[in-house]
PDB file of N, CA and C in Angstrom:
ATOM      1  N   MET A   1     222.822  47.165 145.629  1.00  0.00           N
ATOM      2  CA  MET A   1     222.507  46.172 145.921  1.00  0.00           C
ATOM      3  C   MET A   1     223.600  44.884 146.828  1.00  0.00           C
ATOM      4  N   ALA A   2     224.555  45.991 147.714  1.00  0.00           N
ATOM      5  CA  ALA A   2     225.184  45.015 149.377  1.00  0.00           C
ATOM      6  C   ALA A   2     224.025  44.949 149.881  1.00  0.00           C
ATOM      7  N   ASP A   3     222.367  45.824 150.097  1.00  0.00           N
ATOM      8  CA  ASP A   3     221.866  45.411 151.497  1.00  0.00           C
ATOM      9  C   ASP A   3     221.380  43.717 150.924  1.00  0.00           C
ATOM     10  N   THR A   4     221.023  43.883 149.362  1.00  0.00           N
ATOM     11  CA  THR A   4     220.743  42.381 149.256  1.00  0.00           C
ATOM     12  C   THR A   4     222.030  41.157 149.213  1.00  0.00           C
ATOM     13  N   ILE A   5     222.780  41.589 148.913  1.00  0.00           N
ATOM     14  CA  ILE A   5     223.800  40.874 149.264  1.00  0.00           C
ATOM     15  C   ILE A   5     224.410  40.116 151.161  1.00  0.00           C
ATOM     16  N   ALA A   6     224.002  41.427 151.748  1.00  0.00           N
ATOM     17  CA  ALA A   6     224.160  41.613 152.965  1.00  0.00           C
ATOM     18  C   ALA A   6     222.506  40.260 153.313  1.00  0.00           C
ATOM     19  N   GLU A   7     222.173  40.360 153.234  1.00  0.00           N
ATOM     20  CA  GLU A   7     220.891  39.743 153.149  1.00  0.00           C
ATOM     21  C   GLU A   7     220.484  38.412 153.198  1.00  0.00           C
ATOM     22  N   THR A   8     221.495  38.513 152.136  1.00  0.00           N
ATOM     23  CA  THR A   8     221.572  36.317 151.149  1.00  0.00           C
ATOM     24  C   THR A   8     223.042  36.134 152.632  1.00  0.00           C
ATOM     25  N   VAL A   9     223.799  36.746 152.233  1.00  0.00           N
ATOM     26  CA  VAL A   9     224.346  36.146 153.288  1.00  0.00           C
ATOM     27  C   VAL A   9     224.260  35.778 155.148  1.00  0.00           C
ATOM     28  N   ASP A  10     223.068  36.557 155.372  1.00  0.00           N
ATOM     29  CA  ASP A  10     222.262  36.366 156.590  1.00  0.00           C
ATOM     30  C   ASP A  10     221.728  35.108 156.418  1.00  0.00           C
ATOM     31  N   LEU A  11     220.698  34.859 155.560  1.00  0.00           N
ATOM     32  CA  LEU A  11     219.865  33.994 155.265  1.00  0.00           C
ATOM     33  C   LEU A  11     220.903  33.011 154.775  1.00  0.00           C
ATOM     34  N   LEU A  12     221.978  32.686 154.236  1.00  0.00           N
ATOM     35  CA  LEU A  12     222.331  31.619 154.190  1.00  0.00           C
ATOM     36  C   LEU A  12     223.402  31.361 155.475  1.00  0.00           C
ATOM     37  N   TYR A  13     224.131  32.139 156.336  1.00  0.00           N
ATOM     38  CA  TYR A  13     224.615  31.128 157.428  1.00  0.00           C
ATOM     39  C   TYR A  13     223.105  31.148 158.519  1.00  0.00           C
ATOM     40  N   THR A  14     221.969  31.117 158.492  1.00  0.00           N
ATOM     41  CA  THR A  14     220.703  30.603 159.298  1.00  0.00           C
ATOM     42  C   THR A  14     221.015  29.082 158.954  1.00  0.00           C
ATOM     43  N   ILE A  15     221.559  27.959 158.067  1.00  0.00           N
ATOM     44  CA  ILE A  15     221.106  27.313 156.940  1.00  0.00           C
ATOM     45  C   ILE A  15     221.713  25.888 158.471  1.00  0.00           C
ATOM     46  N   ASP A  16     221.068  25.454 158.969  1.00  0.00           N
ATOM     47  CA  ASP A  16     222.368  24.520 159.796  1.00  0.00           C
ATOM     48  C   ASP A  16     222.401  23.486 158.511  1.00  0.00           C
ATOM     49  N   GLN A  17     224.148  23.618 159.276  1.00  0.00           N
ATOM     50  CA  GLN A  17     225.301  22.625 157.607  1.00  0.00           C
ATOM     51  C   GLN A  17     225.691  21.616 157.899  1.00  0.00           C
ATOM     52  N   GLU A  18     225.391  20.775 159.539  1.00  0.00           N
ATOM     53  CA  GLU A  18     224.921  20.051 160.183  1.00  0.00           C
ATOM     54  C   GLU A  18     224.223  18.583 159.126  1.00  0.00           C
ATOM     55  N   LYS A  19     223.190  19.081 158.786  1.00  0.00           N
ATOM     56  CA  LYS A  19     221.752  18.837 158.445  1.00  0.00           C
ATOM     57  C   LYS A  19     221.767  18.348 156.110  1.00  0.00           C
ATOM     58  N   LEU A  20     223.197  18.864 155.785  1.00  0.00           N
ATOM     59  CA  LEU A  20     223.750  18.883 154.264  1.00  0.00           C
ATOM     60  C   LEU A  20     224.289  17.561 154.103  1.00  0.00           C
ATOM     61  N   SER A  21     223.779  17.312 152.792  1.00  0.00           N
ATOM     62  CA  SER A  21     225.067  16.704 152.494  1.00  0.00           C
ATOM     63  C   SER A  21     226.217  17.237 152.316  1.00  0.00           C
ATOM     64  N   VAL A  22     226.991  16.637 151.447  1.00  0.00           N
ATOM     65  CA  VAL A  22     228.299  16.783 151.147  1.00  0.00           C
ATOM     66  C   VAL A  22     228.011  17.346 149.778  1.00  0.00           C
ATOM     67  N   ASP A  23     227.308  17.341 149.154  1.00  0.00           N
ATOM     68  CA  ASP A  23     227.145  18.013 147.656  1.00  0.00           C
ATOM     69  C   ASP A  23     226.227  19.644 147.867  1.00  0.00           C
ATOM     70  N   GLN A  24     225.872  19.940 149.055  1.00  0.00           N
ATOM     71  CA  GLN A  24     224.965  20.682 149.620  1.00  0.00           C
ATOM     72  C   GLN A  24     225.705  21.493 150.837  1.00  0.00           C
ATOM     73  N   GLN A  25     226.550  21.035 151.277  1.00  0.00           N
ATOM     74  CA  GLN A  25     227.820  21.793 152.084  1.00  0.00           C
ATOM     75  C   GLN A  25     228.524  22.086 150.512  1.00  0.00           C
ATOM     76  N   ILE A  26     229.043  21.728 149.633  1.00  0.00           N
ATOM     77  CA  ILE A  26     230.182  22.419 148.532  1.00  0.00           C
ATOM     78  C   ILE A  26     229.110  23.553 148.072  1.00  0.00           C
ATOM     79  N   ALA A  27     228.019  23.717 147.802  1.00  0.00           N
ATOM     80  CA  ALA A  27     227.270  24.285 147.306  1.00  0.00           C
ATOM     81  C   ALA A  27     227.276  25.764 148.163  1.00  0.00           C
ATOM     82  N   LEU A  28     226.686  24.806 149.430  1.00  0.00           N
ATOM     83  CA  LEU A  28     226.414  26.412 150.467  1.00  0.00           C
ATOM     84  C   LEU A  28     228.461  27.015 150.287  1.00  0.00           C
ATOM     85  N   SER A  29     229.150  26.553 150.753  1.00  0.00           N
ATOM     86  CA  SER A  29     230.510  27.686 150.197  1.00  0.00           C
ATOM     87  C   SER A  29     230.764  27.997 149.221  1.00  0.00           C
ATOM     88  N   THR A  30     230.408  27.752 148.118  1.00  0.00           N
ATOM     89  CA  THR A  30     230.504  27.807 146.582  1.00  0.00           C
ATOM     90  C   THR A  30     229.708  29.582 146.307  1.00  0.00           C
ATOM     91  N   ALA A  31     228.045  29.390 147.513  1.00  0.00           N
ATOM     92  CA  ALA A  31     226.904  30.512 147.295  1.00  0.00           C
ATOM     93  C   ALA A  31     228.284  31.337 148.068  1.00  0.00           C
ATOM     94  N   LEU A  32     228.676  31.243 148.976  1.00  0.00           N
ATOM     95  CA  LEU A  32     229.467  32.286 149.944  1.00  0.00           C
ATOM     96  C   LEU A  32     230.360  33.108 149.674  1.00  0.00           C
ATOM     97  N   ALA A  33     231.213  32.050 148.567  1.00  0.00           N
ATOM     98  CA  ALA A  33     232.665  32.479 147.989  1.00  0.00           C
ATOM     99  C   ALA A  33     231.739  33.424 146.965  1.00  0.00           C
ATOM    100  N   THR A  34     230.215  32.992 146.008  1.00  0.00           N
ATOM    101  CA  THR A  34     230.113  33.880 145.336  1.00  0.00           C
ATOM    102  C   THR A  34     229.835  35.150 145.650  1.00  0.00           C
ATOM    103  N   LEU A  35     229.376  35.229 147.151  1.00  0.00           N
ATOM    104  CA  LEU A  35     228.715  36.360 147.714  1.00  0.00           C
ATOM    105  C   LEU A  35     229.625  37.410 148.162  1.00  0.00           C
ATOM    106  N   ALA A  36     230.498  36.392 148.059  1.00  0.00           N
ATOM    107  CA  ALA A  36     231.586  37.764 148.570  1.00  0.00           C
ATOM    108  C   ALA A  36     232.742  38.631 147.534  1.00  0.00           C
ATOM    109  N   GLN A  37     232.986  37.623 146.915  1.00  0.00           N
ATOM    110  CA  GLN A  37     233.502  37.914 145.275  1.00  0.00           C
ATOM    111  C   GLN A  37     232.646  39.410 144.379  1.00  0.00           C
ATOM    112  N   ALA A  38     231.195  39.456 144.836  1.00  0.00           N
ATOM    113  CA  ALA A  38     229.903  40.348 144.305  1.00  0.00           C
ATOM    114  C   ALA A  38     230.658  41.068 145.397  1.00  0.00           C
ATOM    115  N   GLU A  39     230.559  41.312 146.519  1.00  0.00           N
ATOM    116  CA  GLU A  39     230.602  42.113 146.957  1.00  0.00           C
ATOM    117  C   GLU A  39     231.755  43.282 147.149  1.00  0.00           C
ATOM    118  N   ARG A  40     232.852  42.400 146.893  1.00  0.00           N
ATOM    119  CA  ARG A  40     234.278  42.964 146.971  1.00  0.00           C
ATOM    120  C   ARG A  40     233.468  43.866 145.465  1.00  0.00           C
ATOM    121  N   LEU A  41     233.352  43.146 144.411  1.00  0.00           N
ATOM    122  CA  LEU A  41     233.351  43.959 142.964  1.00  0.00           C
ATOM    123  C   LEU A  41     232.289  45.520 143.279  1.00  0.00           C
ATOM    124  N   ASP A  42     231.182  44.953 144.368  1.00  0.00           N
ATOM    125  CA  ASP A  42     230.176  46.266 144.380  1.00  0.00           C
ATOM    126  C   ASP A  42     231.554  47.382 145.182  1.00  0.00           C
ATOM    127  N   GLN A  43     232.235  46.870 145.550  1.00  0.00           N
ATOM    128  CA  GLN A  43     232.957  48.531 146.258  1.00  0.00           C
ATOM    129  C   GLN A  43     233.969  48.602 145.658  1.00  0.00           C
ATOM    130  N   ILE A  44     234.495  48.107 144.896  1.00  0.00           N
ATOM    131  CA  ILE A  44     235.298  48.004 143.439  1.00  0.00           C
ATOM    132  C   ILE A  44     234.741  49.190 142.488  1.00  0.00           C
ATOM    133  N   ASN A  45     233.497  49.164 142.557  1.00  0.00           N
ATOM    134  CA  ASN A  45     232.386  49.601 141.606  1.00  0.00           C
ATOM    135  C   ASN A  45     232.295  51.108 141.821  1.00  0.00           C
ATOM    136  N   GLU A  46     231.662  51.511 143.677  1.00  0.00           N
ATOM    137  CA  GLU A  46     231.476  52.013 144.002  1.00  0.00           C
ATOM    138  C   GLU A  46     233.250  53.038 144.323  1.00  0.00           C
ATOM    139  N   ARG A  47     233.785  52.704 143.969  1.00  0.00           N
ATOM    140  CA  ARG A  47     235.335  53.703 143.933  1.00  0.00           C
ATOM    141  C   ARG A  47     235.928  54.184 142.609  1.00  0.00           C
ATOM    142  N   LEU A  48     234.910  53.236 141.893  1.00  0.00           N
ATOM    143  CA  LEU A  48     235.602  53.810 140.063  1.00  0.00           C
ATOM    144  C   LEU A  48     234.309  54.639 140.039  1.00  0.00           C
ATOM    145  N   ARG A  49     233.268  54.448 140.613  1.00  0.00           N
ATOM    146  CA  ARG A  49     231.935  56.345 140.906  1.00  0.00           C
ATOM    147  C   ARG A  49     233.070  57.425 141.392  1.00  0.00           C
ATOM    148  N   SER A  50     233.962  57.187 142.660  1.00  0.00           N
ATOM    149  CA  SER A  50     234.471  58.056 142.866  1.00  0.00           C
ATOM    150  C   SER A  50     235.313  58.790 141.901  1.00  0.00           C
ATOM    151  N   ILE A  51     235.887  57.897 141.689  1.00  0.00           N
ATOM    152  CA  ILE A  51     237.021  58.687 140.697  1.00  0.00           C
ATOM    153  C   ILE A  51     236.587  59.098 139.563  1.00  0.00           C
ATOM    154  N   GLN A  52     235.893  58.569 138.996  1.00  0.00           N
ATOM    155  CA  GLN A  52     235.018  59.301 137.689  1.00  0.00           C
ATOM    156  C   GLN A  52     234.698  60.586 137.785  1.00  0.00           C
ATOM    157  N   GLN A  53     233.913  60.495 138.939  1.00  0.00           N
ATOM    158  CA  GLN A  53     233.291  62.203 139.558  1.00  0.00           C
ATOM    159  C   GLN A  53     234.263  63.132 139.646  1.00  0.00           C
ATOM    160  N   LEU A  54     235.821  62.347 140.655  1.00  0.00           N
ATOM    161  CA  LEU A  54     236.419  63.481 140.999  1.00  0.00           C
ATOM    162  C   LEU A  54     237.188  63.645 139.507  1.00  0.00           C
ATOM    163  N   LEU A  55     237.521  63.263 138.642  1.00  0.00           N
ATOM    164  CA  LEU A  55     238.030  63.438 137.095  1.00  0.00           C
ATOM    165  C   LEU A  55     236.839  64.647 136.496  1.00  0.00           C
ATOM    166  N   THR A  56     235.926  64.064 136.588  1.00  0.00           N
ATOM    167  CA  THR A  56     234.495  64.986 135.704  1.00  0.00           C
ATOM    168  C   THR A  56     234.401  66.092 136.369  1.00  0.00           C
ATOM    169  N   ASN A  57     235.189  66.022 137.965  1.00  0.00           N
ATOM    170  CA  ASN A  57     235.126  67.613 138.592  1.00  0.00           C
ATOM    171  C   ASN A  57     235.807  68.485 138.043  1.00  0.00           C
ATOM    172  N   ALA A  58     238.129  67.603 138.014  1.00  0.00           N
ATOM    173  CA  ALA A  58     238.543  68.621 137.512  1.00  0.00           C
ATOM    174  C   ALA A  58     238.581  68.661 136.388  1.00  0.00           C
ATOM    175  N   THR A  59     238.357  67.757 135.323  1.00  0.00           N
ATOM    176  CA  THR A  59     237.909  68.687 133.406  1.00  0.00           C
ATOM    177  C   THR A  59     236.921  69.773 133.728  1.00  0.00           C
ATOM    178  N   HIS A  60     235.812  69.714 134.609  1.00  0.00           N
ATOM    179  CA  HIS A  60     234.770  70.367 134.220  1.00  0.00           C
ATOM    180  C   HIS A  60     235.842  72.009 135.163  1.00  0.00           C
ATOM    181  N   ARG A  61     236.093  72.008 135.726  1.00  0.00           N
ATOM    182  CA  ARG A  61     237.183  72.872 136.281  1.00  0.00           C
ATOM    183  C   ARG A  61     238.307  73.498 135.839  1.00  0.00           C
ATOM    184  N   SER A  62     239.234  72.805 134.700  1.00  0.00           N
ATOM    185  CA  SER A  62     240.370  73.355 134.635  1.00  0.00           C
ATOM    186  C   SER A  62     239.458  73.887 132.495  1.00  0.00           C
ATOM    187  N   THR A  63     238.160  73.303 132.438  1.00  0.00           N
ATOM    188  CA  THR A  63     237.154  73.571 131.427  1.00  0.00           C
ATOM    189  C   THR A  63     236.503  75.191 131.438  1.00  0.00           C
ATOM    190  N   VAL A  64     236.076  75.172 132.616  1.00  0.00           N
ATOM    191  CA  VAL A  64     235.877  76.255 133.662  1.00  0.00           C
ATOM    192  C   VAL A  64     237.218  77.561 133.907  1.00  0.00           C
ATOM    193  N   ASP A  65     237.909  77.706 133.908  1.00  0.00           N
ATOM    194  CA  ASP A  65     239.453  78.162 133.963  1.00  0.00           C
ATOM    195  C   ASP A  65     240.208  78.776 132.817  1.00  0.00           C
ATOM    196  N   GLY A  66     240.010  77.813 131.743  1.00  0.00           N
ATOM    197  CA  GLY A  66     240.445  77.936 130.549  1.00  0.00           C
ATOM    198  C   GLY A  66     239.928  78.894 129.731  1.00  0.00           C
ATOM    199  N   ILE A  67     238.275  79.265 129.923  1.00  0.00           N
ATOM    200  CA  ILE A  67     237.624  80.394 129.600  1.00  0.00           C
ATOM    201  C   ILE A  67     237.790  81.623 130.067  1.00  0.00           C
ATOM    202  N   ARG A  68     238.274  81.641 131.369  1.00  0.00           N
ATOM    203  CA  ARG A  68     238.805  82.729 132.178  1.00  0.00           C
ATOM    204  C   ARG A  68     239.800  83.773 132.012  1.00  0.00           C
TER     205      ARG A  68
END
């Protein structure tokens, strides 16, 4: 997903904002803000996956140690 976000941001930054109407400028700003939020959510999701993996590994180790 990050590649798609980065590519979209790059594309949006190539738009000549001086040629846009006020409504189009507002729409562009909204799109950039939405993409920034999506990127942040993707980062949070990655951190949650890492935490889940750590917890899964710890649970597995404690189960294996409990069997011994």
